[in-house]
């Protein structure tokens, strides 16, 4: 049976990994949203696709660029932390 300390420490590490992996995409979504919002405010263009398409394109590009980092981070966490807990080492 797993101790409470081990459980909460593993949960804390998993949440930190989730923050670390999601930061690039969330940052790009924020920057793209602010840039498109500023453009819309300056030009008075209120088109819904204008907000969606550039943000989606930026997110897809950043996801494609950081996919290796995300995969390596998640695999390392799983093999270093989760598998030993499952095996019982």
PDB file of N, CA and C in Angstrom:
ATOM      1  N   UNK A   1       0.849  -1.187   0.000  1.00  0.00           N
ATOM      2  CA  UNK A   1       0.000   0.000   0.000  1.00  0.00           C
ATOM      3  C   UNK A   1       0.892   1.247   0.000  1.00  0.00           C
ATOM      4  N   UNK A   2       0.446   2.254  -0.691  1.00  0.00           N
ATOM      5  CA  UNK A   2       1.235   3.473  -0.848  1.00  0.00           C
ATOM      6  C   UNK A   2       0.968   4.419   0.320  1.00  0.00           C
ATOM      7  N   UNK A   3       2.053   4.996   0.833  1.00  0.00           N
ATOM      8  CA  UNK A   3       1.922   5.990   1.896  1.00  0.00           C
ATOM      9  C   UNK A   3       1.299   7.256   1.350  1.00  0.00           C
ATOM     10  N   UNK A   4       0.701   8.033   2.241  1.00  0.00           N
ATOM     11  CA  UNK A   4       0.109   9.308   1.835  1.00  0.00           C
ATOM     12  C   UNK A   4       1.162  10.271   1.304  1.00  0.00           C
ATOM     13  N   UNK A   5       2.333  10.246   1.902  1.00  0.00           N
ATOM     14  CA  UNK A   5       3.395  11.157   1.482  1.00  0.00           C
ATOM     15  C   UNK A   5       3.826  10.854   0.053  1.00  0.00           C
ATOM     16  N   UNK A   6       3.979   9.596  -0.256  1.00  0.00           N
ATOM     17  CA  UNK A   6       4.378   9.199  -1.616  1.00  0.00           C
ATOM     18  C   UNK A   6       3.286   9.569  -2.605  1.00  0.00           C
ATOM     19  N   UNK A   7       2.041   9.342  -2.235  1.00  0.00           N
ATOM     20  CA  UNK A   7       0.923   9.671  -3.118  1.00  0.00           C
ATOM     21  C   UNK A   7       0.876  11.166  -3.420  1.00  0.00           C
ATOM     22  N   UNK A   8       0.956  11.986  -2.383  1.00  0.00           N
ATOM     23  CA  UNK A   8       0.870  13.432  -2.579  1.00  0.00           C
ATOM     24  C   UNK A   8       2.102  13.992  -3.297  1.00  0.00           C
ATOM     25  N   UNK A   9       3.251  13.412  -3.039  1.00  0.00           N
ATOM     26  CA  UNK A   9       4.449  13.849  -3.743  1.00  0.00           C
ATOM     27  C   UNK A   9       4.369  13.499  -5.230  1.00  0.00           C
ATOM     28  N   UNK A  10       3.876  12.320  -5.545  1.00  0.00           N
ATOM     29  CA  UNK A  10       3.703  11.925  -6.942  1.00  0.00           C
ATOM     30  C   UNK A  10       2.655  12.796  -7.618  1.00  0.00           C
ATOM     31  N   UNK A  11       1.590  13.101  -6.918  1.00  0.00           N
ATOM     32  CA  UNK A  11       0.557  13.982  -7.462  1.00  0.00           C
ATOM     33  C   UNK A  11       1.110  15.388  -7.706  1.00  0.00           C
ATOM     34  N   UNK A  12       1.921  15.893  -6.779  1.00  0.00           N
ATOM     35  CA  UNK A  12       2.544  17.204  -6.956  1.00  0.00           C
ATOM     36  C   UNK A  12       3.464  17.215  -8.161  1.00  0.00           C
ATOM     37  N   UNK A  13       4.257  16.164  -8.325  1.00  0.00           N
ATOM     38  CA  UNK A  13       5.149  16.074  -9.485  1.00  0.00           C
ATOM     39  C   UNK A  13       4.358  15.977 -10.786  1.00  0.00           C
ATOM     40  N   UNK A  14       3.266  15.238 -10.779  1.00  0.00           N
ATOM     41  CA  UNK A  14       2.440  15.101 -11.985  1.00  0.00           C
ATOM     42  C   UNK A  14       1.806  16.434 -12.368  1.00  0.00           C
ATOM     43  N   UNK A  15       1.342  17.183 -11.380  1.00  0.00           N
ATOM     44  CA  UNK A  15       0.770  18.499 -11.674  1.00  0.00           C
ATOM     45  C   UNK A  15       1.835  19.450 -12.204  1.00  0.00           C
ATOM     46  N   UNK A  16       3.044  19.374 -11.656  1.00  0.00           N
ATOM     47  CA  UNK A  16       4.117  20.231 -12.155  1.00  0.00           C
ATOM     48  C   UNK A  16       4.480  19.863 -13.594  1.00  0.00           C
ATOM     49  N   UNK A  17       4.506  18.568 -13.912  1.00  0.00           N
ATOM     50  CA  UNK A  17       4.773  18.123 -15.285  1.00  0.00           C
ATOM     51  C   UNK A  17       3.673  18.625 -16.214  1.00  0.00           C
ATOM     52  N   UNK A  18       2.421  18.593 -15.766  1.00  0.00           N
ATOM     53  CA  UNK A  18       1.317  19.094 -16.584  1.00  0.00           C
ATOM     54  C   UNK A  18       1.469  20.580 -16.863  1.00  0.00           C
ATOM     55  N   UNK A  19       1.884  21.336 -15.862  1.00  0.00           N
ATOM     56  CA  UNK A  19       2.114  22.772 -16.059  1.00  0.00           C
ATOM     57  C   UNK A  19       3.276  22.988 -17.023  1.00  0.00           C
ATOM     58  N   UNK A  20       4.339  22.245 -16.844  1.00  0.00           N
ATOM     59  CA  UNK A  20       5.522  22.386 -17.685  1.00  0.00           C
ATOM     60  C   UNK A  20       5.224  22.052 -19.143  1.00  0.00           C
ATOM     61  N   UNK A  21       4.448  21.007 -19.373  1.00  0.00           N
ATOM     62  CA  UNK A  21       4.135  20.580 -20.733  1.00  0.00           C
ATOM     63  C   UNK A  21       3.146  21.529 -21.403  1.00  0.00           C
ATOM     64  N   UNK A  22       2.223  22.089 -20.654  1.00  0.00           N
ATOM     65  CA  UNK A  22       1.192  22.932 -21.262  1.00  0.00           C
ATOM     66  C   UNK A  22       1.599  24.396 -21.403  1.00  0.00           C
ATOM     67  N   UNK A  23       2.674  24.809 -20.759  1.00  0.00           N
ATOM     68  CA  UNK A  23       3.080  26.217 -20.785  1.00  0.00           C
ATOM     69  C   UNK A  23       3.341  26.768 -22.187  1.00  0.00           C
ATOM     70  N   UNK A  24       4.073  26.086 -23.066  1.00  0.00           N
ATOM     71  CA  UNK A  24       4.303  26.671 -24.397  1.00  0.00           C
ATOM     72  C   UNK A  24       3.013  26.921 -25.181  1.00  0.00           C
ATOM     73  N   UNK A  25       2.101  25.980 -25.152  1.00  0.00           N
ATOM     74  CA  UNK A  25       0.856  26.130 -25.909  1.00  0.00           C
ATOM     75  C   UNK A  25      -0.007  27.232 -25.307  1.00  0.00           C
ATOM     76  N   UNK A  26      -0.119  27.269 -23.998  1.00  0.00           N
ATOM     77  CA  UNK A  26      -0.935  28.298 -23.368  1.00  0.00           C
ATOM     78  C   UNK A  26      -0.345  29.690 -23.568  1.00  0.00           C
ATOM     79  N   UNK A  27       0.969  29.792 -23.550  1.00  0.00           N
ATOM     80  CA  UNK A  27       1.617  31.086 -23.776  1.00  0.00           C
ATOM     81  C   UNK A  27       1.353  31.585 -25.187  1.00  0.00           C
ATOM     82  N   UNK A  28       1.483  30.699 -26.165  1.00  0.00           N
ATOM     83  CA  UNK A  28       1.237  31.095 -27.550  1.00  0.00           C
ATOM     84  C   UNK A  28      -0.233  31.448 -27.754  1.00  0.00           C
ATOM     85  N   UNK A  29      -1.135  30.713 -27.147  1.00  0.00           N
ATOM     86  CA  UNK A  29      -2.563  31.032 -27.269  1.00  0.00           C
ATOM     87  C   UNK A  29      -2.849  32.409 -26.671  1.00  0.00           C
ATOM     88  N   UNK A  30      -2.223  32.718 -25.545  1.00  0.00           N
ATOM     89  CA  UNK A  30      -2.414  34.029 -24.925  1.00  0.00           C
ATOM     90  C   UNK A  30      -1.877  35.150 -25.803  1.00  0.00           C
ATOM     91  N   UNK A  31      -0.670  34.982 -26.303  1.00  0.00           N
ATOM     92  CA  UNK A  31      -0.054  36.020 -27.138  1.00  0.00           C
ATOM     93  C   UNK A  31      -0.838  36.199 -28.428  1.00  0.00           C
ATOM     94  N   UNK A  32      -1.235  35.096 -29.070  1.00  0.00           N
ATOM     95  CA  UNK A  32      -2.011  35.191 -30.311  1.00  0.00           C
ATOM     96  C   UNK A  32      -3.370  35.825 -30.049  1.00  0.00           C
ATOM     97  N   UNK A  33      -4.008  35.495 -28.950  1.00  0.00           N
ATOM     98  CA  UNK A  33      -5.301  36.081 -28.613  1.00  0.00           C
ATOM     99  C   UNK A  33      -5.204  37.580 -28.369  1.00  0.00           C
ATOM    100  N   UNK A  34      -4.162  38.004 -27.658  1.00  0.00           N
ATOM    101  CA  UNK A  34      -3.975  39.431 -27.407  1.00  0.00           C
ATOM    102  C   UNK A  34      -3.667  40.169 -28.709  1.00  0.00           C
ATOM    103  N   UNK A  35      -2.826  39.571 -29.554  1.00  0.00           N
ATOM    104  CA  UNK A  35      -2.480  40.219 -30.824  1.00  0.00           C
ATOM    105  C   UNK A  35      -3.702  40.351 -31.730  1.00  0.00           C
ATOM    106  N   UNK A  36      -4.493  39.304 -31.827  1.00  0.00           N
ATOM    107  CA  UNK A  36      -5.691  39.367 -32.667  1.00  0.00           C
ATOM    108  C   UNK A  36      -6.706  40.324 -32.062  1.00  0.00           C
ATOM    109  N   UNK A  37      -6.853  40.324 -30.751  1.00  0.00           N
ATOM    110  CA  UNK A  37      -7.761  41.263 -30.097  1.00  0.00           C
ATOM    111  C   UNK A  37      -7.343  42.709 -30.312  1.00  0.00           C
ATOM    112  N   UNK A  38      -6.044  42.960 -30.250  1.00  0.00           N
ATOM    113  CA  UNK A  38      -5.535  44.302 -30.512  1.00  0.00           C
ATOM    114  C   UNK A  38      -5.781  44.705 -31.967  1.00  0.00           C
ATOM    115  N   UNK A  39      -5.551  43.766 -32.879  1.00  0.00           N
ATOM    116  CA  UNK A  39      -5.811  44.037 -34.294  1.00  0.00           C
ATOM    117  C   UNK A  39      -7.292  44.340 -34.522  1.00  0.00           C
ATOM    118  N   UNK A  40      -8.168  43.566 -33.894  1.00  0.00           N
ATOM    119  CA  UNK A  40      -9.607  43.795 -34.048  1.00  0.00           C
ATOM    120  C   UNK A  40     -10.023  45.136 -33.452  1.00  0.00           C
ATOM    121  N   UNK A  41      -9.436  45.499 -32.339  1.00  0.00           N
ATOM    122  CA  UNK A  41      -9.783  46.773 -31.720  1.00  0.00           C
ATOM    123  C   UNK A  41      -9.300  47.952 -32.566  1.00  0.00           C
ATOM    124  N   UNK A  42      -8.146  47.799 -33.189  1.00  0.00           N
ATOM    125  CA  UNK A  42      -7.601  48.886 -33.999  1.00  0.00           C
ATOM    126  C   UNK A  42      -8.325  49.048 -35.330  1.00  0.00           C
ATOM    127  N   UNK A  43      -8.799  47.929 -35.899  1.00  0.00           N
ATOM    128  CA  UNK A  43      -9.424  47.996 -37.221  1.00  0.00           C
ATOM    129  C   UNK A  43     -10.942  47.908 -37.166  1.00  0.00           C
ATOM    130  N   UNK A  44     -11.530  47.689 -36.025  1.00  0.00           N
ATOM    131  CA  UNK A  44     -12.979  47.525 -35.846  1.00  0.00           C
ATOM    132  C   UNK A  44     -13.548  46.372 -36.669  1.00  0.00           C
ATOM    133  N   UNK A  45     -12.742  45.365 -36.914  1.00  0.00           N
ATOM    134  CA  UNK A  45     -13.198  44.155 -37.607  1.00  0.00           C
ATOM    135  C   UNK A  45     -13.602  43.141 -36.543  1.00  0.00           C
ATOM    136  N   UNK A  46     -14.858  42.745 -36.534  1.00  0.00           N
ATOM    137  CA  UNK A  46     -15.362  41.816 -35.523  1.00  0.00           C
ATOM    138  C   UNK A  46     -15.782  40.497 -36.166  1.00  0.00           C
ATOM    139  N   UNK A  47     -14.850  39.824 -36.749  1.00  0.00           N
ATOM    140  CA  UNK A  47     -15.111  38.547 -37.408  1.00  0.00           C
ATOM    141  C   UNK A  47     -14.657  37.418 -36.483  1.00  0.00           C
ATOM    142  N   UNK A  48     -15.539  36.435 -36.253  1.00  0.00           N
ATOM    143  CA  UNK A  48     -15.224  35.352 -35.323  1.00  0.00           C
ATOM    144  C   UNK A  48     -14.106  34.443 -35.845  1.00  0.00           C
ATOM    145  N   UNK A  49     -14.078  34.219 -37.160  1.00  0.00           N
ATOM    146  CA  UNK A  49     -13.023  33.356 -37.699  1.00  0.00           C
ATOM    147  C   UNK A  49     -11.659  34.027 -37.593  1.00  0.00           C
ATOM    148  N   UNK A  50     -11.640  35.345 -37.529  1.00  0.00           N
ATOM    149  CA  UNK A  50     -10.374  36.051 -37.389  1.00  0.00           C
ATOM    150  C   UNK A  50      -9.721  35.768 -36.033  1.00  0.00           C
ATOM    151  N   UNK A  51     -10.505  35.498 -35.018  1.00  0.00           N
ATOM    152  CA  UNK A  51      -9.932  35.164 -33.713  1.00  0.00           C
ATOM    153  C   UNK A  51      -9.558  33.693 -33.631  1.00  0.00           C
ATOM    154  N   UNK A  52     -10.313  32.843 -34.309  1.00  0.00           N
ATOM    155  CA  UNK A  52     -10.128  31.403 -34.156  1.00  0.00           C
ATOM    156  C   UNK A  52      -8.978  30.865 -35.000  1.00  0.00           C
ATOM    157  N   UNK A  53      -8.929  31.222 -36.256  1.00  0.00           N
ATOM    158  CA  UNK A  53      -7.976  30.622 -37.189  1.00  0.00           C
ATOM    159  C   UNK A  53      -6.519  30.954 -36.848  1.00  0.00           C
ATOM    160  N   UNK A  54      -6.147  32.212 -36.608  1.00  0.00           N
ATOM    161  CA  UNK A  54      -4.732  32.473 -36.264  1.00  0.00           C
ATOM    162  C   UNK A  54      -4.301  31.813 -34.952  1.00  0.00           C
ATOM    163  N   UNK A  55      -5.202  31.801 -33.978  1.00  0.00           N
ATOM    164  CA  UNK A  55      -4.875  31.174 -32.702  1.00  0.00           C
ATOM    165  C   UNK A  55      -4.678  29.669 -32.876  1.00  0.00           C
ATOM    166  N   UNK A  56      -5.558  29.047 -33.645  1.00  0.00           N
ATOM    167  CA  UNK A  56      -5.433  27.613 -33.902  1.00  0.00           C
ATOM    168  C   UNK A  56      -4.152  27.303 -34.663  1.00  0.00           C
ATOM    169  N   UNK A  57      -3.828  28.112 -35.668  1.00  0.00           N
ATOM    170  CA  UNK A  57      -2.601  27.892 -36.436  1.00  0.00           C
ATOM    171  C   UNK A  57      -1.367  28.036 -35.548  1.00  0.00           C
ATOM    172  N   UNK A  58      -1.345  29.054 -34.693  1.00  0.00           N
ATOM    173  CA  UNK A  58      -0.203  29.254 -33.798  1.00  0.00           C
ATOM    174  C   UNK A  58      -0.062  28.099 -32.811  1.00  0.00           C
ATOM    175  N   UNK A  59      -1.185  27.640 -32.295  1.00  0.00           N
ATOM    176  CA  UNK A  59      -1.156  26.522 -31.347  1.00  0.00           C
ATOM    177  C   UNK A  59      -0.652  25.259 -32.027  1.00  0.00           C
ATOM    178  N   UNK A  60      -1.108  24.987 -33.235  1.00  0.00           N
ATOM    179  CA  UNK A  60      -0.660  23.789 -33.959  1.00  0.00           C
ATOM    180  C   UNK A  60       0.832  23.847 -34.273  1.00  0.00           C
ATOM    181  N   UNK A  61       1.322  25.023 -34.661  1.00  0.00           N
ATOM    182  CA  UNK A  61       2.752  25.164 -34.955  1.00  0.00           C
ATOM    183  C   UNK A  61       3.587  24.931 -33.703  1.00  0.00           C
ATOM    184  N   UNK A  62       3.186  25.530 -32.590  1.00  0.00           N
ATOM    185  CA  UNK A  62       3.944  25.353 -31.345  1.00  0.00           C
ATOM    186  C   UNK A  62       3.832  23.924 -30.840  1.00  0.00           C
ATOM    187  N   UNK A  63       2.667  23.322 -30.995  1.00  0.00           N
ATOM    188  CA  UNK A  63       2.520  21.916 -30.592  1.00  0.00           C
ATOM    189  C   UNK A  63       3.458  21.036 -31.406  1.00  0.00           C
ATOM    190  N   UNK A  64       3.527  21.276 -32.700  1.00  0.00           N
ATOM    191  CA  UNK A  64       4.397  20.488 -33.568  1.00  0.00           C
ATOM    192  C   UNK A  64       5.867  20.682 -33.175  1.00  0.00           C
ATOM    193  N   UNK A  65       6.238  21.920 -32.825  1.00  0.00           N
ATOM    194  CA  UNK A  65       7.631  22.208 -32.464  1.00  0.00           C
ATOM    195  C   UNK A  65       8.008  21.630 -31.097  1.00  0.00           C
ATOM    196  N   UNK A  66       7.069  21.571 -30.163  1.00  0.00           N
ATOM    197  CA  UNK A  66       7.393  21.111 -28.808  1.00  0.00           C
ATOM    198  C   UNK A  66       6.929  19.685 -28.521  1.00  0.00           C
ATOM    199  N   UNK A  67       6.482  18.986 -29.539  1.00  0.00           N
ATOM    200  CA  UNK A  67       5.991  17.627 -29.331  1.00  0.00           C
ATOM    201  C   UNK A  67       7.080  16.702 -28.783  1.00  0.00           C
ATOM    202  N   UNK A  68       8.306  16.847 -29.249  1.00  0.00           N
ATOM    203  CA  UNK A  68       9.404  16.019 -28.748  1.00  0.00           C
ATOM    204  C   UNK A  68       9.680  16.271 -27.279  1.00  0.00           C
ATOM    205  N   UNK A  69       9.705  17.552 -26.897  1.00  0.00           N
ATOM    206  CA  UNK A  69       9.913  17.910 -25.487  1.00  0.00           C
ATOM    207  C   UNK A  69       8.791  17.341 -24.613  1.00  0.00           C
ATOM    208  N   UNK A  70       7.564  17.474 -25.073  1.00  0.00           N
ATOM    209  CA  UNK A  70       6.429  16.973 -24.290  1.00  0.00           C
ATOM    210  C   UNK A  70       6.507  15.459 -24.123  1.00  0.00           C
ATOM    211  N   UNK A  71       6.820  14.772 -25.207  1.00  0.00           N
ATOM    212  CA  UNK A  71       6.906  13.312 -25.155  1.00  0.00           C
ATOM    213  C   UNK A  71       8.027  12.858 -24.232  1.00  0.00           C
ATOM    214  N   UNK A  72       9.200  13.469 -24.375  1.00  0.00           N
ATOM    215  CA  UNK A  72      10.332  13.093 -23.519  1.00  0.00           C
ATOM    216  C   UNK A  72      10.029  13.354 -22.047  1.00  0.00           C
ATOM    217  N   UNK A  73       9.389  14.471 -21.745  1.00  0.00           N
ATOM    218  CA  UNK A  73       9.067  14.812 -20.361  1.00  0.00           C
ATOM    219  C   UNK A  73       8.080  13.815 -19.768  1.00  0.00           C
ATOM    220  N   UNK A  74       7.030  13.500 -20.518  1.00  0.00           N
ATOM    221  CA  UNK A  74       6.024  12.565 -20.010  1.00  0.00           C
ATOM    222  C   UNK A  74       6.565  11.145 -19.883  1.00  0.00           C
ATOM    223  N   UNK A  75       7.357  10.712 -20.853  1.00  0.00           N
ATOM    224  CA  UNK A  75       7.926   9.359 -20.788  1.00  0.00           C
ATOM    225  C   UNK A  75       8.914   9.261 -19.628  1.00  0.00           C
ATOM    226  N   UNK A  76       9.733  10.297 -19.434  1.00  0.00           N
ATOM    227  CA  UNK A  76      10.684  10.275 -18.317  1.00  0.00           C
ATOM    228  C   UNK A  76       9.953  10.225 -16.982  1.00  0.00           C
ATOM    229  N   UNK A  77       8.885  11.010 -16.838  1.00  0.00           N
ATOM    230  CA  UNK A  77       8.125  10.986 -15.588  1.00  0.00           C
ATOM    231  C   UNK A  77       7.505   9.609 -15.366  1.00  0.00           C
ATOM    232  N   UNK A  78       6.965   9.037 -16.424  1.00  0.00           N
ATOM    233  CA  UNK A  78       6.324   7.735 -16.282  1.00  0.00           C
ATOM    234  C   UNK A  78       7.334   6.647 -15.920  1.00  0.00           C
ATOM    235  N   UNK A  79       8.471   6.627 -16.627  1.00  0.00           N
ATOM    236  CA  UNK A  79       9.436   5.555 -16.364  1.00  0.00           C
ATOM    237  C   UNK A  79      10.200   5.754 -15.057  1.00  0.00           C
ATOM    238  N   UNK A  80      10.427   7.012 -14.657  1.00  0.00           N
ATOM    239  CA  UNK A  80      11.189   7.257 -13.437  1.00  0.00           C
ATOM    240  C   UNK A  80      10.343   7.250 -12.171  1.00  0.00           C
ATOM    241  N   UNK A  81       9.072   7.643 -12.284  1.00  0.00           N
ATOM    242  CA  UNK A  81       8.240   7.797 -11.097  1.00  0.00           C
ATOM    243  C   UNK A  81       7.108   6.768 -11.008  1.00  0.00           C
ATOM    244  N   UNK A  82       6.343   6.644 -12.074  1.00  0.00           N
ATOM    245  CA  UNK A  82       5.129   5.835 -12.009  1.00  0.00           C
ATOM    246  C   UNK A  82       5.413   4.340 -12.055  1.00  0.00           C
ATOM    247  N   UNK A  83       6.264   3.901 -12.989  1.00  0.00           N
ATOM    248  CA  UNK A  83       6.555   2.473 -13.113  1.00  0.00           C
ATOM    249  C   UNK A  83       7.160   1.898 -11.830  1.00  0.00           C
ATOM    250  N   UNK A  84       8.141   2.570 -11.192  1.00  0.00           N
ATOM    251  CA  UNK A  84       8.635   2.023  -9.920  1.00  0.00           C
ATOM    252  C   UNK A  84       7.549   1.934  -8.831  1.00  0.00           C
ATOM    253  N   UNK A  85       6.606   2.862  -8.846  1.00  0.00           N
ATOM    254  CA  UNK A  85       5.514   2.756  -7.860  1.00  0.00           C
ATOM    255  C   UNK A  85       4.596   1.574  -8.164  1.00  0.00           C
ATOM    256  N   UNK A  86       4.366   1.324  -9.443  1.00  0.00           N
ATOM    257  CA  UNK A  86       3.519   0.187  -9.812  1.00  0.00           C
ATOM    258  C   UNK A  86       4.212  -1.134  -9.488  1.00  0.00           C
ATOM    259  N   UNK A  87       5.506  -1.197  -9.805  1.00  0.00           N
ATOM    260  CA  UNK A  87       6.259  -2.428  -9.563  1.00  0.00           C
ATOM    261  C   UNK A  87       6.454  -2.639  -8.063  1.00  0.00           C
ATOM    262  N   UNK A  88       6.588  -1.552  -7.333  1.00  0.00           N
ATOM    263  CA  UNK A  88       6.751  -1.663  -5.890  1.00  0.00           C
ATOM    264  C   UNK A  88       8.188  -1.546  -5.435  1.00  0.00           C
ATOM    265  N   UNK A  89       9.019  -0.924  -6.235  1.00  0.00           N
ATOM    266  CA  UNK A  89      10.441  -0.770  -5.879  1.00  0.00           C
ATOM    267  C   UNK A  89      10.595   0.346  -4.893  1.00  0.00           C
TER     268      UNK A  89
END
